Amino acid sequence: MPKIIGKNLQEHRDRTRVRLFTSLSKLLSEQGFDSLTMAQIAQGAKVGRTAVYNHFTDKESLLLAYIEYETIRYSHSLRENLEGVEDPIEQLRIYISHQIDLSAHYRLAPGPDLRKIMNSSNVRALHGHASLVEDVLLSILTAGIEKNSWPLQDVTGLIPLIHACLSGWAPPKDPAQLQRFTRLAQGFILRAVGVSLDDKRAEIPDVPHGLAELMGSGTSCPVAYSVRSPAHCPVN
């Protein structure tokens, strides 16, 4: 009889799933998803290999559940930080900061694009998770137009452009460089959507050491993958 983790069966299932997600996250930072095995994931989670299949039929279903889990957590955190903030410019600054923090926290090891090795239905599911976060950005951009923070424009077209900008580089690990990188991205995107050049919140800081040193390199996390639409994604 397997040992129950927690007070009851539901808590046991929830904790086991979190263990599997944690193991998957760690392994994804070390090797490509295509080379991962369920046995490795089970070993990292300290659960029996057969127990994994009580929760997920294969590693793709595990990945999708992990992305959904992290995207929900991320969207809740984002909405909490936006609560009470009325200014669309400040809302967009917060959104950009959260996206950068997300990419700084999660890193994928080099490997094939997930969309090229997953079946088409799972790829569509990846895009579906993006709406949790995209809806937040859509409301910010719409509010900015309504409050004349930036000009009238196609806000749905702006969403992939903003995400493409944010996903182009992996943020630096050094806290001071990360802060400068965030300010640079905030200023660039705010100006791109049409915030006045005279607005200090859209000011782009000097980069004395050059972009190559300021910006990191590498690939974003699976969650960043899920929330950057449609070309990249995942948090499309």
C-alpha atoms as a PDB file:
ATOM      1  CA  MET A   1       0.000   0.000   0.000  1.00  0.00           C
ATOM      2  CA  PRO A   2       1.702   3.289  -1.084  1.00  0.00           C
ATOM      3  CA  LYS A   3       2.272   5.849   1.619  1.00  0.00           C
ATOM      4  CA  ILE A   4      -0.274   8.675   1.554  1.00  0.00           C
ATOM      5  CA  ILE A   5       1.247  12.164   1.406  1.00  0.00           C
ATOM      6  CA  GLY A   6      -1.028  14.512   3.350  1.00  0.00           C
ATOM      7  CA  LYS A   7      -4.193  14.134   5.387  1.00  0.00           C
ATOM      8  CA  ASN A   8      -6.391  12.546   2.740  1.00  0.00           C
ATOM      9  CA  LEU A   9      -6.355  11.158  -0.798  1.00  0.00           C
ATOM     10  CA  GLN A  10      -7.077  14.515  -2.463  1.00  0.00           C
ATOM     11  CA  GLU A  11      -4.230  16.217  -0.604  1.00  0.00           C
ATOM     12  CA  HIS A  12      -2.018  13.273  -1.531  1.00  0.00           C
ATOM     13  CA  ARG A  13      -2.876  13.739  -5.220  1.00  0.00           C
ATOM     14  CA  ASP A  14      -2.327  17.499  -5.072  1.00  0.00           C
ATOM     15  CA  ARG A  15       1.051  17.171  -3.368  1.00  0.00           C
ATOM     16  CA  THR A  16       2.172  14.444  -5.752  1.00  0.00           C
ATOM     17  CA  ARG A  17       1.282  16.622  -8.737  1.00  0.00           C
ATOM     18  CA  VAL A  18       3.273  19.535  -7.290  1.00  0.00           C
ATOM     19  CA  ARG A  19       6.240  17.214  -6.744  1.00  0.00           C
ATOM     20  CA  LEU A  20       6.031  16.109 -10.358  1.00  0.00           C
ATOM     21  CA  PHE A  21       5.785  19.723 -11.562  1.00  0.00           C
ATOM     22  CA  THR A  22       8.831  20.677  -9.476  1.00  0.00           C
ATOM     23  CA  SER A  23      10.810  17.747 -10.855  1.00  0.00           C
ATOM     24  CA  LEU A  24       9.798  18.576 -14.431  1.00  0.00           C
ATOM     25  CA  SER A  25      10.752  22.233 -13.967  1.00  0.00           C
ATOM     26  CA  LYS A  26      14.217  21.312 -12.701  1.00  0.00           C
ATOM     27  CA  LEU A  27      14.832  18.813 -15.468  1.00  0.00           C
ATOM     28  CA  LEU A  28      13.717  21.297 -18.148  1.00  0.00           C
ATOM     29  CA  SER A  29      16.445  23.674 -16.970  1.00  0.00           C
ATOM     30  CA  GLU A  30      19.019  20.923 -17.490  1.00  0.00           C
ATOM     31  CA  GLN A  31      17.981  19.126 -20.690  1.00  0.00           C
ATOM     32  CA  GLY A  32      15.584  19.336 -23.599  1.00  0.00           C
ATOM     33  CA  PHE A  33      12.004  18.164 -23.187  1.00  0.00           C
ATOM     34  CA  ASP A  34      12.383  15.693 -26.056  1.00  0.00           C
ATOM     35  CA  SER A  35      15.049  13.746 -24.117  1.00  0.00           C
ATOM     36  CA  LEU A  36      13.154  13.615 -20.811  1.00  0.00           C
ATOM     37  CA  THR A  37      11.602  10.372 -19.597  1.00  0.00           C
ATOM     38  CA  MET A  38       8.779   9.752 -17.166  1.00  0.00           C
ATOM     39  CA  ALA A  39      11.204   7.663 -15.119  1.00  0.00           C
ATOM     40  CA  GLN A  40      13.494  10.680 -14.655  1.00  0.00           C
ATOM     41  CA  ILE A  41      10.572  12.862 -13.653  1.00  0.00           C
ATOM     42  CA  ALA A  42       9.337  10.269 -11.145  1.00  0.00           C
ATOM     43  CA  GLN A  43      12.802   9.866  -9.664  1.00  0.00           C
ATOM     44  CA  GLY A  44      13.171  13.622  -9.213  1.00  0.00           C
ATOM     45  CA  ALA A  45       9.752  13.800  -7.554  1.00  0.00           C
ATOM     46  CA  LYS A  46      10.607  10.822  -5.304  1.00  0.00           C
ATOM     47  CA  VAL A  47       7.527   8.897  -6.372  1.00  0.00           C
ATOM     48  CA  GLY A  48       7.203   5.482  -7.985  1.00  0.00           C
ATOM     49  CA  ARG A  49       7.439   5.412 -11.767  1.00  0.00           C
ATOM     50  CA  THR A  50       4.082   3.659 -12.090  1.00  0.00           C
ATOM     51  CA  ALA A  51       2.513   6.248  -9.765  1.00  0.00           C
ATOM     52  CA  VAL A  52       3.187   8.956 -12.351  1.00  0.00           C
ATOM     53  CA  TYR A  53       0.780   7.265 -14.743  1.00  0.00           C
ATOM     54  CA  ASN A  54      -1.998   7.495 -12.147  1.00  0.00           C
ATOM     55  CA  HIS A  55      -1.860  11.249 -12.782  1.00  0.00           C
ATOM     56  CA  PHE A  56      -0.662  11.668 -16.384  1.00  0.00           C
ATOM     57  CA  THR A  57      -0.801   9.435 -19.417  1.00  0.00           C
ATOM     58  CA  ASP A  58       2.460  10.730 -20.874  1.00  0.00           C
ATOM     59  CA  LYS A  59       4.997  13.521 -20.495  1.00  0.00           C
ATOM     60  CA  GLU A  60       3.119  15.858 -22.845  1.00  0.00           C
ATOM     61  CA  SER A  61       0.006  15.730 -20.649  1.00  0.00           C
ATOM     62  CA  LEU A  62       2.255  16.352 -17.641  1.00  0.00           C
ATOM     63  CA  LEU A  63       3.816  19.367 -19.387  1.00  0.00           C
ATOM     64  CA  LEU A  64       0.394  20.808 -20.246  1.00  0.00           C
ATOM     65  CA  ALA A  65      -0.817  20.390 -16.660  1.00  0.00           C
ATOM     66  CA  TYR A  66       2.371  22.048 -15.391  1.00  0.00           C
ATOM     67  CA  ILE A  67       1.953  24.994 -17.759  1.00  0.00           C
ATOM     68  CA  GLU A  68      -1.690  25.405 -16.739  1.00  0.00           C
ATOM     69  CA  TYR A  69      -0.739  25.232 -13.047  1.00  0.00           C
ATOM     70  CA  GLU A  70       1.999  27.846 -13.379  1.00  0.00           C
ATOM     71  CA  THR A  71      -0.025  30.094 -15.686  1.00  0.00           C
ATOM     72  CA  ILE A  72      -2.930  30.198 -13.227  1.00  0.00           C
ATOM     73  CA  ARG A  73      -0.554  31.012 -10.361  1.00  0.00           C
ATOM     74  CA  TYR A  74       1.143  33.681 -12.458  1.00  0.00           C
ATOM     75  CA  SER A  75      -2.107  35.318 -13.600  1.00  0.00           C
ATOM     76  CA  HIS A  76      -3.394  35.449 -10.018  1.00  0.00           C
ATOM     77  CA  SER A  77      -0.167  37.083  -8.848  1.00  0.00           C
ATOM     78  CA  LEU A  78      -0.300  39.567 -11.728  1.00  0.00           C
ATOM     79  CA  ARG A  79      -3.898  40.554 -10.990  1.00  0.00           C
ATOM     80  CA  GLU A  80      -3.097  40.980  -7.303  1.00  0.00           C
ATOM     81  CA  ASN A  81      -0.270  43.387  -8.125  1.00  0.00           C
ATOM     82  CA  LEU A  82      -2.501  45.346 -10.492  1.00  0.00           C
ATOM     83  CA  GLU A  83      -5.307  45.630  -7.953  1.00  0.00           C
ATOM     84  CA  GLY A  84      -5.933  49.251  -6.992  1.00  0.00           C
ATOM     85  CA  VAL A  85      -3.679  50.631  -9.770  1.00  0.00           C
ATOM     86  CA  GLU A  86      -5.812  52.939 -11.915  1.00  0.00           C
ATOM     87  CA  ASP A  87      -3.201  54.437 -14.250  1.00  0.00           C
ATOM     88  CA  PRO A  88      -2.846  52.326 -17.451  1.00  0.00           C
ATOM     89  CA  ILE A  89       0.770  53.436 -17.877  1.00  0.00           C
ATOM     90  CA  GLU A  90       1.663  52.127 -14.439  1.00  0.00           C
ATOM     91  CA  GLN A  91      -0.383  48.994 -15.119  1.00  0.00           C
ATOM     92  CA  LEU A  92       1.640  48.331 -18.271  1.00  0.00           C
ATOM     93  CA  ARG A  93       4.890  48.933 -16.389  1.00  0.00           C
ATOM     94  CA  ILE A  94       3.804  46.325 -13.823  1.00  0.00           C
ATOM     95  CA  TYR A  95       2.820  43.884 -16.556  1.00  0.00           C
ATOM     96  CA  ILE A  96       6.215  44.249 -18.254  1.00  0.00           C
ATOM     97  CA  SER A  97       8.026  43.813 -14.944  1.00  0.00           C
ATOM     98  CA  HIS A  98       6.090  40.620 -14.190  1.00  0.00           C
ATOM     99  CA  GLN A  99       6.813  39.167 -17.615  1.00  0.00           C
ATOM    100  CA  ILE A 100      10.524  39.845 -17.191  1.00  0.00           C
ATOM    101  CA  ASP A 101      10.549  38.358 -13.686  1.00  0.00           C
ATOM    102  CA  LEU A 102       8.845  35.276 -15.093  1.00  0.00           C
ATOM    103  CA  SER A 103      11.499  34.824 -17.779  1.00  0.00           C
ATOM    104  CA  ALA A 104      14.269  35.454 -15.249  1.00  0.00           C
ATOM    105  CA  HIS A 105      12.890  32.766 -12.938  1.00  0.00           C
ATOM    106  CA  TYR A 106      12.327  30.038 -15.541  1.00  0.00           C
ATOM    107  CA  ARG A 107      14.942  28.943 -18.045  1.00  0.00           C
ATOM    108  CA  LEU A 108      14.674  26.096 -20.540  1.00  0.00           C
ATOM    109  CA  ALA A 109      17.733  24.114 -21.496  1.00  0.00           C
ATOM    110  CA  PRO A 110      18.585  24.300 -25.218  1.00  0.00           C
ATOM    111  CA  GLY A 111      16.445  21.954 -27.288  1.00  0.00           C
ATOM    112  CA  PRO A 112      13.789  21.752 -30.003  1.00  0.00           C
ATOM    113  CA  ASP A 113      10.869  24.168 -30.038  1.00  0.00           C
ATOM    114  CA  LEU A 114       8.127  22.527 -27.976  1.00  0.00           C
ATOM    115  CA  ARG A 115       5.581  23.266 -30.691  1.00  0.00           C
ATOM    116  CA  LYS A 116       7.543  21.140 -33.154  1.00  0.00           C
ATOM    117  CA  ILE A 117       7.684  18.014 -30.998  1.00  0.00           C
ATOM    118  CA  MET A 118       4.179  18.063 -29.486  1.00  0.00           C
ATOM    119  CA  ASN A 119       1.034  16.905 -31.245  1.00  0.00           C
ATOM    120  CA  SER A 120      -1.238  19.559 -32.747  1.00  0.00           C
ATOM    121  CA  SER A 121      -3.994  19.279 -30.120  1.00  0.00           C
ATOM    122  CA  ASN A 122      -1.499  19.863 -27.318  1.00  0.00           C
ATOM    123  CA  VAL A 123      -0.024  22.841 -29.154  1.00  0.00           C
ATOM    124  CA  ARG A 124      -3.525  24.327 -29.375  1.00  0.00           C
ATOM    125  CA  ALA A 125      -3.921  23.713 -25.649  1.00  0.00           C
ATOM    126  CA  LEU A 126      -0.669  25.625 -25.060  1.00  0.00           C
ATOM    127  CA  HIS A 127      -2.115  28.605 -26.907  1.00  0.00           C
ATOM    128  CA  GLY A 128      -5.335  28.298 -24.899  1.00  0.00           C
ATOM    129  CA  HIS A 129      -3.538  28.841 -21.607  1.00  0.00           C
ATOM    130  CA  ALA A 130      -2.207  32.127 -22.953  1.00  0.00           C
ATOM    131  CA  SER A 131      -5.622  33.790 -22.767  1.00  0.00           C
ATOM    132  CA  LEU A 132      -5.413  33.936 -18.955  1.00  0.00           C
ATOM    133  CA  VAL A 133      -2.572  36.426 -19.258  1.00  0.00           C
ATOM    134  CA  GLU A 134      -3.396  37.975 -22.619  1.00  0.00           C
ATOM    135  CA  ASP A 135      -6.779  39.100 -21.283  1.00  0.00           C
ATOM    136  CA  VAL A 136      -4.966  41.134 -18.627  1.00  0.00           C
ATOM    137  CA  LEU A 137      -2.800  42.868 -21.221  1.00  0.00           C
ATOM    138  CA  LEU A 138      -5.817  43.436 -23.472  1.00  0.00           C
ATOM    139  CA  SER A 139      -7.678  45.210 -20.659  1.00  0.00           C
ATOM    140  CA  ILE A 140      -4.626  47.375 -19.895  1.00  0.00           C
ATOM    141  CA  LEU A 141      -4.170  48.424 -23.518  1.00  0.00           C
ATOM    142  CA  THR A 142      -7.890  49.129 -23.927  1.00  0.00           C
ATOM    143  CA  ALA A 143      -7.968  51.228 -20.739  1.00  0.00           C
ATOM    144  CA  GLY A 144      -4.951  53.189 -21.990  1.00  0.00           C
ATOM    145  CA  ILE A 145      -6.856  54.203 -25.103  1.00  0.00           C
ATOM    146  CA  GLU A 146      -9.979  55.101 -23.133  1.00  0.00           C
ATOM    147  CA  LYS A 147      -7.943  57.309 -20.782  1.00  0.00           C
ATOM    148  CA  ASN A 148      -5.834  58.834 -23.586  1.00  0.00           C
ATOM    149  CA  SER A 149      -2.637  57.358 -22.183  1.00  0.00           C
ATOM    150  CA  TRP A 150      -1.732  56.292 -25.753  1.00  0.00           C
ATOM    151  CA  PRO A 151      -3.370  56.682 -29.189  1.00  0.00           C
ATOM    152  CA  LEU A 152      -6.225  54.646 -30.626  1.00  0.00           C
ATOM    153  CA  GLN A 153      -4.786  51.539 -32.285  1.00  0.00           C
ATOM    154  CA  ASP A 154      -5.297  47.807 -32.841  1.00  0.00           C
ATOM    155  CA  VAL A 155      -4.757  46.466 -29.312  1.00  0.00           C
ATOM    156  CA  THR A 156      -5.040  42.820 -30.386  1.00  0.00           C
ATOM    157  CA  GLY A 157      -2.189  43.416 -32.801  1.00  0.00           C
ATOM    158  CA  LEU A 158      -0.102  45.001 -30.063  1.00  0.00           C
ATOM    159  CA  ILE A 159      -0.232  41.922 -27.821  1.00  0.00           C
ATOM    160  CA  PRO A 160       2.046  39.648 -29.916  1.00  0.00           C
ATOM    161  CA  LEU A 161       4.363  42.594 -30.647  1.00  0.00           C
ATOM    162  CA  ILE A 162       4.813  43.337 -26.936  1.00  0.00           C
ATOM    163  CA  HIS A 163       5.359  39.676 -26.117  1.00  0.00           C
ATOM    164  CA  ALA A 164       7.816  39.287 -28.992  1.00  0.00           C
ATOM    165  CA  CYS A 165       9.799  42.195 -27.589  1.00  0.00           C
ATOM    166  CA  LEU A 166       9.850  40.660 -24.111  1.00  0.00           C
ATOM    167  CA  SER A 167      10.759  37.178 -25.313  1.00  0.00           C
ATOM    168  CA  GLY A 168      13.657  38.239 -27.515  1.00  0.00           C
ATOM    169  CA  TRP A 169      16.223  38.052 -24.702  1.00  0.00           C
ATOM    170  CA  ALA A 170      16.557  36.139 -21.456  1.00  0.00           C
ATOM    171  CA  PRO A 171      16.917  38.719 -18.642  1.00  0.00           C
ATOM    172  CA  PRO A 172      20.264  38.988 -16.833  1.00  0.00           C
ATOM    173  CA  LYS A 173      20.646  37.261 -13.471  1.00  0.00           C
ATOM    174  CA  ASP A 174      22.454  40.110 -11.727  1.00  0.00           C
ATOM    175  CA  PRO A 175      19.828  42.103  -9.718  1.00  0.00           C
ATOM    176  CA  ALA A 176      21.231  45.512 -10.700  1.00  0.00           C
ATOM    177  CA  GLN A 177      21.377  44.586 -14.382  1.00  0.00           C
ATOM    178  CA  LEU A 178      17.916  43.040 -14.165  1.00  0.00           C
ATOM    179  CA  GLN A 179      16.523  46.293 -12.789  1.00  0.00           C
ATOM    180  CA  ARG A 180      18.156  48.286 -15.594  1.00  0.00           C
ATOM    181  CA  PHE A 181      16.947  45.753 -18.164  1.00  0.00           C
ATOM    182  CA  THR A 182      13.388  46.088 -16.820  1.00  0.00           C
ATOM    183  CA  ARG A 183      13.493  49.893 -17.016  1.00  0.00           C
ATOM    184  CA  LEU A 184      14.853  49.667 -20.557  1.00  0.00           C
ATOM    185  CA  ALA A 185      12.038  47.330 -21.635  1.00  0.00           C
ATOM    186  CA  GLN A 186       9.395  49.442 -19.900  1.00  0.00           C
ATOM    187  CA  GLY A 187      10.581  52.630 -21.558  1.00  0.00           C
ATOM    188  CA  PHE A 188      10.871  51.026 -24.991  1.00  0.00           C
ATOM    189  CA  ILE A 189       7.417  49.419 -24.921  1.00  0.00           C
ATOM    190  CA  LEU A 190       5.701  52.478 -23.455  1.00  0.00           C
ATOM    191  CA  ARG A 191       7.136  54.617 -26.243  1.00  0.00           C
ATOM    192  CA  ALA A 192       6.204  51.966 -28.800  1.00  0.00           C
ATOM    193  CA  VAL A 193       2.515  52.062 -27.808  1.00  0.00           C
ATOM    194  CA  GLY A 194       2.550  55.850 -27.997  1.00  0.00           C
ATOM    195  CA  VAL A 195       3.220  57.240 -24.520  1.00  0.00           C
ATOM    196  CA  SER A 196       4.526  60.798 -24.758  1.00  0.00           C
ATOM    197  CA  LEU A 197       8.305  61.135 -24.954  1.00  0.00           C
ATOM    198  CA  ASP A 198       8.010  63.820 -22.278  1.00  0.00           C
ATOM    199  CA  ASP A 199       6.549  61.331 -19.785  1.00  0.00           C
ATOM    200  CA  LYS A 200       9.338  60.300 -17.392  1.00  0.00           C
ATOM    201  CA  ARG A 201       7.734  56.862 -17.000  1.00  0.00           C
ATOM    202  CA  ALA A 202       8.631  56.171 -20.631  1.00  0.00           C
ATOM    203  CA  GLU A 203      12.212  57.303 -20.210  1.00  0.00           C
ATOM    204  CA  ILE A 204      14.825  54.856 -21.499  1.00  0.00           C
ATOM    205  CA  PRO A 205      17.911  54.651 -19.237  1.00  0.00           C
ATOM    206  CA  ASP A 206      21.433  54.975 -20.550  1.00  0.00           C
ATOM    207  CA  VAL A 207      23.164  51.663 -21.177  1.00  0.00           C
ATOM    208  CA  PRO A 208      26.855  52.425 -20.557  1.00  0.00           C
ATOM    209  CA  HIS A 209      28.037  48.832 -20.886  1.00  0.00           C
ATOM    210  CA  GLY A 210      26.171  47.935 -24.039  1.00  0.00           C
ATOM    211  CA  LEU A 211      23.155  45.774 -24.692  1.00  0.00           C
ATOM    212  CA  ALA A 212      25.149  42.549 -24.979  1.00  0.00           C
ATOM    213  CA  GLU A 213      26.305  42.817 -21.362  1.00  0.00           C
ATOM    214  CA  LEU A 214      22.998  44.108 -20.064  1.00  0.00           C
ATOM    215  CA  MET A 215      20.795  41.470 -21.653  1.00  0.00           C
ATOM    216  CA  GLY A 216      21.161  37.783 -20.955  1.00  0.00           C
ATOM    217  CA  SER A 217      20.785  34.958 -23.434  1.00  0.00           C
ATOM    218  CA  GLY A 218      19.006  31.651 -23.525  1.00  0.00           C
ATOM    219  CA  THR A 219      15.496  30.324 -23.830  1.00  0.00           C
ATOM    220  CA  SER A 220      12.422  31.192 -21.818  1.00  0.00           C
ATOM    221  CA  CYS A 221      10.454  28.827 -19.616  1.00  0.00           C
ATOM    222  CA  PRO A 222       7.536  26.621 -20.630  1.00  0.00           C
ATOM    223  CA  VAL A 223       5.157  28.998 -18.867  1.00  0.00           C
ATOM    224  CA  ALA A 224       6.610  31.938 -20.733  1.00  0.00           C
ATOM    225  CA  TYR A 225       6.162  29.812 -23.828  1.00  0.00           C
ATOM    226  CA  SER A 226       2.470  29.451 -23.090  1.00  0.00           C
ATOM    227  CA  VAL A 227       1.796  33.126 -22.525  1.00  0.00           C
ATOM    228  CA  ARG A 228       3.520  34.647 -25.532  1.00  0.00           C
ATOM    229  CA  SER A 229       1.146  34.637 -28.460  1.00  0.00           C
ATOM    230  CA  PRO A 230       1.169  33.601 -31.191  1.00  0.00           C
ATOM    231  CA  ALA A 231       4.719  33.416 -32.491  1.00  0.00           C
ATOM    232  CA  HIS A 232       6.448  32.499 -29.280  1.00  0.00           C
ATOM    233  CA  CYS A 233       3.971  31.873 -26.534  1.00  0.00           C
ATOM    234  CA  PRO A 234       4.993  30.727 -20.236  1.00  0.00           C
ATOM    235  CA  VAL A 235       3.972  30.951 -18.872  1.00  0.00           C
ATOM    236  CA  ASN A 236       2.477  31.375 -27.689  1.00  0.00           C
END
